[in-house]
Amino acid sequence: MARKSTHTRKIAVTIIAWAIGFVIFFPILWTILMSFKSEGDAIKAPMAMLAAPWSFESYAEVQARSNYSLHFMNSVILSVGSTLLALIIAVPAAWAMAFVPGKRTKDLLMWMLSTKMMPAVGVLVPMYLIFRNFGLLDSRSGLVVVLTLINLPIVIWMLYTYFKEIPGEILEAARMDGASLRAEILYVLTPMAVPGIASTMLLNIILAWNEAFWTLQLTTHDAAPLTQFIASYSSPEGLFYAKLSAASTMAIAPILILGWFSQKQLVRGLTFGAVK
């Protein structure tokens, strides 16, 4: 009886999970479907739109109108570059917070995380003036620094959580064997926290890839990523739903593919240390 109840509960939980997943994914699915319709069909009633013939017209127009490869490469450089820079800063910082005794570590972590609560528009003017005065407007290097600083609190917090699960005795043994601080971090700590570091990298890449506010405000063309590419299809003349959907699909497809192939690593990293 208990086994039957457990089996029934498992089926119910699975159905609920699939239902929630479908609701979350439905806007993306609808965008993809609309991208294969003409502009005239895209504004029809939902059932009429779905019944309309499929067309690659919107994708052809988007490719002809925009330089997709430039925006794609900018997104890759900005997301990967900011992630690597954040890790270079965050790994030593998280190590110090996790293994160097301190009474204010929790307070410092909370202060760092609290910076994410400030509206970005509150510092738009000073950031814009800094970029203008230093010649960083529409530059990849400037945006890499901005995206690094935006996501750095989350990266440090996640790495700190993973590092705390590593027994300190292992690091003490490495020190007794003569390992330097650099060797301790690179050859002892980092390999043991690979799942956590990998999941942190994936999450940071996704956050940087989807960042729209700063990329729209600080870029125009040369360093414009795919968020700028999508925004270019919303104009004062009106919204072109089919072309906007095609541009959105082309922008989210790479990150969806990355998430699909790395989902096991992401889940493994996010649950790292949950069970001892």
Protein backbone atom coordinates (compact mmCIF):
# COMPACT_ATOMS: atom_id res chain seq x y z
CA MET A 1 0.00 0.00 0.00
CA ALA A 2 2.83 2.34 0.89
CA ARG A 3 4.61 1.46 -2.37
CA LYS A 4 1.44 2.19 -4.39
CA SER A 5 1.01 5.53 -2.61
CA THR A 6 4.64 6.44 -3.31
CA HIS A 7 4.26 5.48 -7.00
CA THR A 8 1.08 7.56 -7.34
CA ARG A 9 2.73 10.53 -5.68
CA LYS A 10 5.72 10.25 -8.01
CA ILE A 11 3.44 10.30 -11.06
CA ALA A 12 1.53 13.31 -9.70
CA VAL A 13 4.74 15.22 -8.98
CA THR A 14 6.05 14.41 -12.46
CA ILE A 15 2.87 15.67 -14.12
CA ILE A 16 2.94 18.87 -12.07
CA ALA A 17 6.60 19.42 -12.89
CA TRP A 18 5.98 18.95 -16.62
CA ALA A 19 2.99 21.31 -16.45
CA ILE A 20 5.03 24.01 -14.71
CA GLY A 21 7.87 23.51 -17.18
CA PHE A 22 5.50 23.87 -20.12
CA VAL A 23 4.01 27.09 -18.72
CA ILE A 24 7.51 28.54 -18.26
CA PHE A 25 8.66 27.46 -21.73
CA PHE A 26 5.43 28.42 -23.55
CA PRO A 27 6.43 32.07 -24.33
CA ILE A 28 9.65 30.83 -25.93
CA LEU A 29 7.76 28.18 -27.89
CA TRP A 30 5.24 30.77 -29.08
CA THR A 31 8.04 33.11 -30.17
CA ILE A 32 9.67 30.31 -32.17
CA LEU A 33 6.37 29.39 -33.86
CA MET A 34 5.61 33.01 -34.72
CA SER A 35 9.05 33.46 -36.27
CA PHE A 36 8.08 31.00 -39.02
CA LYS A 37 5.04 33.02 -40.08
CA SER A 38 4.68 36.03 -42.35
CA GLU A 39 3.95 39.47 -40.89
CA GLY A 40 0.33 39.21 -42.00
CA ASP A 41 -0.14 35.80 -40.41
CA ALA A 42 1.66 36.79 -37.19
CA ILE A 43 -1.07 39.27 -36.21
CA LYS A 44 -3.95 36.85 -36.78
CA ALA A 45 -5.87 35.09 -34.03
CA PRO A 46 -3.83 32.33 -32.32
CA MET A 47 -5.50 29.38 -34.06
CA ALA A 48 -5.44 31.11 -37.44
CA MET A 49 -1.78 31.96 -36.95
CA LEU A 50 -0.91 28.36 -36.14
CA ALA A 51 -2.82 27.12 -39.20
CA ALA A 52 -1.02 29.56 -41.52
CA PRO A 53 1.72 28.12 -43.77
CA TRP A 54 5.27 28.12 -42.48
CA SER A 55 7.71 30.56 -44.01
CA PHE A 56 11.39 31.51 -43.68
CA GLU A 57 10.65 35.01 -44.97
CA SER A 58 11.27 36.70 -41.61
CA TYR A 59 14.64 34.98 -41.14
CA ALA A 60 15.71 36.02 -44.64
CA GLU A 61 14.75 39.64 -43.98
CA VAL A 62 16.55 39.67 -40.62
CA GLN A 63 19.71 38.26 -42.19
CA ALA A 64 19.56 40.82 -45.01
CA ARG A 65 18.91 43.75 -42.70
CA SER A 66 21.29 43.02 -39.80
CA ASN A 67 24.81 41.75 -39.27
CA TYR A 68 23.92 38.79 -37.05
CA SER A 69 27.45 37.39 -36.93
CA LEU A 70 28.82 40.65 -35.48
CA HIS A 71 26.19 40.76 -32.72
CA PHE A 72 26.68 37.06 -32.00
CA MET A 73 30.45 37.38 -31.63
CA ASN A 74 29.99 40.41 -29.39
CA SER A 75 27.66 38.42 -27.14
CA VAL A 76 30.15 35.54 -26.96
CA ILE A 77 33.08 37.84 -26.18
CA LEU A 78 31.15 39.82 -23.56
CA SER A 79 29.62 36.83 -21.77
CA VAL A 80 32.72 34.60 -21.80
CA GLY A 81 35.12 37.47 -21.15
CA SER A 82 33.17 38.83 -18.19
CA THR A 83 32.81 35.31 -16.78
CA LEU A 84 36.54 34.57 -16.92
CA LEU A 85 37.39 37.95 -15.41
CA ALA A 86 34.83 37.42 -12.64
CA LEU A 87 36.32 33.99 -11.83
CA ILE A 88 39.84 35.40 -11.65
CA ILE A 89 38.61 37.84 -9.00
CA ALA A 90 36.04 35.63 -7.29
CA VAL A 91 38.07 32.45 -6.68
CA PRO A 92 40.67 34.11 -4.38
CA ALA A 93 37.95 36.22 -2.73
CA ALA A 94 35.74 33.21 -2.04
CA TRP A 95 38.76 31.22 -0.78
CA ALA A 96 39.61 33.99 1.69
CA MET A 97 36.04 34.21 2.94
CA ALA A 98 35.66 30.45 3.27
CA PHE A 99 38.97 29.49 4.90
CA VAL A 100 40.40 32.60 6.57
CA PRO A 101 38.74 33.16 9.95
CA GLY A 102 36.73 36.36 10.12
CA LYS A 103 33.81 37.64 12.14
CA ARG A 104 32.34 39.86 9.44
CA THR A 105 32.35 37.45 6.51
CA LYS A 106 28.58 37.02 6.50
CA ASP A 107 28.08 40.78 6.76
CA LEU A 108 30.43 41.36 3.84
CA LEU A 109 28.63 38.76 1.72
CA MET A 110 25.26 40.32 2.51
CA TRP A 111 26.59 43.78 1.65
CA MET A 112 27.92 42.50 -1.68
CA LEU A 113 24.60 40.86 -2.48
CA SER A 114 22.69 43.98 -1.46
CA THR A 115 24.34 45.90 -4.30
CA LYS A 116 22.18 43.83 -6.68
CA MET A 117 19.09 45.41 -5.13
CA MET A 118 19.93 48.90 -6.38
CA PRO A 119 18.13 49.86 -9.62
CA ALA A 120 20.64 50.04 -12.45
CA VAL A 121 19.14 53.29 -13.71
CA GLY A 122 20.27 54.92 -10.45
CA VAL A 123 23.91 54.85 -11.60
CA LEU A 124 23.28 55.27 -15.32
CA VAL A 125 24.37 58.91 -15.54
CA PRO A 126 27.73 58.52 -13.71
CA MET A 127 28.47 55.30 -15.60
CA TYR A 128 27.69 56.97 -18.92
CA LEU A 129 29.92 59.95 -18.07
CA ILE A 130 32.78 57.63 -17.04
CA PHE A 131 32.48 55.70 -20.29
CA ARG A 132 32.34 58.89 -22.33
CA ASN A 133 35.31 60.53 -20.62
CA PHE A 134 37.49 57.42 -20.94
CA GLY A 135 36.45 56.68 -24.52
CA LEU A 136 34.78 53.39 -23.61
CA LEU A 137 31.39 53.99 -25.22
CA ASP A 138 30.52 51.21 -27.65
CA SER A 139 33.62 49.22 -26.65
CA ARG A 140 33.84 45.55 -25.73
CA SER A 141 36.44 46.09 -23.02
CA GLY A 142 34.26 48.58 -21.17
CA LEU A 143 31.22 46.32 -21.29
CA VAL A 144 33.25 43.31 -20.11
CA VAL A 145 34.20 45.27 -16.99
CA VAL A 146 30.61 46.41 -16.39
CA LEU A 147 29.16 42.90 -16.79
CA THR A 148 31.87 41.53 -14.51
CA LEU A 149 31.02 44.00 -11.75
CA ILE A 150 27.28 43.38 -12.14
CA ASN A 151 27.53 39.61 -11.65
CA LEU A 152 30.58 39.47 -9.35
CA PRO A 153 28.55 39.38 -6.08
CA ILE A 154 26.59 36.34 -7.29
CA VAL A 155 29.76 34.58 -8.47
CA ILE A 156 31.55 35.15 -5.16
CA TRP A 157 28.50 34.07 -3.16
CA MET A 158 28.12 30.83 -5.12
CA LEU A 159 31.81 29.97 -4.98
CA TYR A 160 31.90 30.72 -1.26
CA THR A 161 29.04 28.23 -0.77
CA TYR A 162 30.88 25.53 -2.73
CA PHE A 163 34.23 26.16 -1.02
CA LYS A 164 32.65 25.90 2.43
CA GLU A 165 31.72 22.30 1.63
CA ILE A 166 35.38 21.36 1.11
CA PRO A 167 37.04 20.08 4.32
CA GLY A 168 39.63 22.56 5.57
CA GLU A 169 41.83 19.67 6.71
CA ILE A 170 42.69 18.93 3.07
CA LEU A 171 44.08 22.43 2.59
CA GLU A 172 45.95 22.20 5.89
CA ALA A 173 47.54 18.95 4.71
CA ALA A 174 48.61 20.67 1.49
CA ARG A 175 50.21 23.48 3.48
CA MET A 176 52.06 20.97 5.64
CA ASP A 177 53.41 19.38 2.46
CA GLY A 178 54.84 22.76 1.49
CA ALA A 179 52.21 23.98 -0.96
CA SER A 180 52.28 27.72 -1.56
CA LEU A 181 49.12 29.83 -1.50
CA ARG A 182 49.01 29.84 -5.29
CA ALA A 183 49.48 26.07 -5.49
CA GLU A 184 46.85 25.54 -2.80
CA ILE A 185 44.22 27.48 -4.76
CA LEU A 186 45.15 26.22 -8.24
CA TYR A 187 46.02 22.57 -7.61
CA VAL A 188 44.07 21.61 -4.49
CA LEU A 189 41.01 23.83 -4.04
CA THR A 190 40.02 24.49 -7.64
CA PRO A 191 40.02 20.83 -8.86
CA MET A 192 37.87 19.80 -5.89
CA ALA A 193 35.31 22.52 -6.67
CA VAL A 194 35.11 21.91 -10.43
CA PRO A 195 31.34 21.11 -10.41
CA GLY A 196 30.57 24.29 -8.49
CA ILE A 197 32.88 26.42 -10.62
CA ALA A 198 31.39 24.98 -13.82
CA SER A 199 27.81 25.71 -12.75
CA THR A 200 28.83 29.20 -11.66
CA MET A 201 30.41 29.81 -15.06
CA LEU A 202 27.31 28.61 -16.89
CA LEU A 203 25.00 30.76 -14.79
CA ASN A 204 27.21 33.82 -15.23
CA ILE A 205 27.39 33.31 -19.00
CA ILE A 206 23.59 33.13 -19.15
CA LEU A 207 23.21 36.27 -17.03
CA ALA A 208 25.73 38.19 -19.13
CA TRP A 209 24.21 36.92 -22.39
CA ASN A 210 20.75 38.16 -21.35
CA GLU A 211 21.86 41.51 -19.91
CA ALA A 212 19.94 44.19 -21.78
CA PHE A 213 19.95 47.44 -19.80
CA TRP A 214 23.66 48.25 -19.93
CA THR A 215 24.23 46.85 -23.40
CA LEU A 216 21.42 49.03 -24.79
CA GLN A 217 22.65 52.15 -22.99
CA LEU A 218 26.39 51.87 -23.63
CA THR A 219 26.56 50.44 -27.15
CA THR A 220 25.40 51.46 -30.60
CA HIS A 221 27.04 49.25 -33.22
CA ASP A 222 30.62 48.03 -32.84
CA ALA A 223 30.18 46.33 -29.45
CA ALA A 224 26.42 45.79 -29.66
CA PRO A 225 25.46 42.22 -28.61
CA LEU A 226 22.32 40.28 -29.49
CA THR A 227 20.16 42.27 -27.06
CA GLN A 228 20.77 45.32 -29.25
CA PHE A 229 20.09 43.13 -32.28
CA ILE A 230 16.61 42.28 -30.90
CA ALA A 231 15.83 45.86 -29.87
CA SER A 232 16.49 47.10 -33.40
CA TYR A 233 13.26 45.42 -34.54
CA SER A 234 11.12 47.54 -32.23
CA SER A 235 10.80 50.91 -33.93
CA PRO A 236 8.53 54.00 -33.73
CA GLU A 237 6.85 52.81 -36.93
CA GLY A 238 5.48 49.78 -35.10
CA LEU A 239 6.26 46.29 -33.94
CA PHE A 240 7.04 43.75 -36.64
CA TYR A 241 6.06 40.61 -34.77
CA ALA A 242 7.35 38.01 -37.20
CA LYS A 243 10.74 39.65 -37.71
CA LEU A 244 11.01 40.45 -34.00
CA SER A 245 10.26 36.80 -33.20
CA ALA A 246 12.83 35.64 -35.75
CA ALA A 247 15.47 37.95 -34.28
CA SER A 248 14.60 36.77 -30.74
CA THR A 249 14.82 33.12 -31.78
CA MET A 250 18.23 33.68 -33.37
CA ALA A 251 19.40 35.42 -30.18
CA ILE A 252 18.19 32.82 -27.67
CA ALA A 253 18.97 29.70 -29.72
CA PRO A 254 22.71 29.56 -28.80
CA ILE A 255 22.06 29.91 -25.06
CA LEU A 256 19.20 27.37 -25.21
CA ILE A 257 21.50 24.86 -26.91
CA LEU A 258 24.23 25.53 -24.34
CA GLY A 259 21.78 25.06 -21.50
CA TRP A 260 20.41 21.84 -22.99
CA PHE A 261 23.81 20.17 -23.38
CA SER A 262 25.12 21.40 -20.02
CA GLN A 263 22.01 20.80 -17.92
CA LYS A 264 23.50 17.79 -16.13
CA GLN A 265 26.61 19.73 -15.18
CA LEU A 266 24.49 22.70 -14.12
CA VAL A 267 22.25 20.60 -11.88
CA ARG A 268 25.24 18.75 -10.45
CA GLY A 269 26.94 22.03 -9.60
CA LEU A 270 23.83 23.65 -8.13
CA THR A 271 23.30 20.64 -5.85
CA PHE A 272 27.01 20.35 -4.99
CA GLY A 273 27.33 19.85 -1.26
CA ALA A 274 23.58 19.53 -0.69
CA VAL A 275 23.98 15.96 0.56
CA LYS A 276 26.88 14.93 2.75
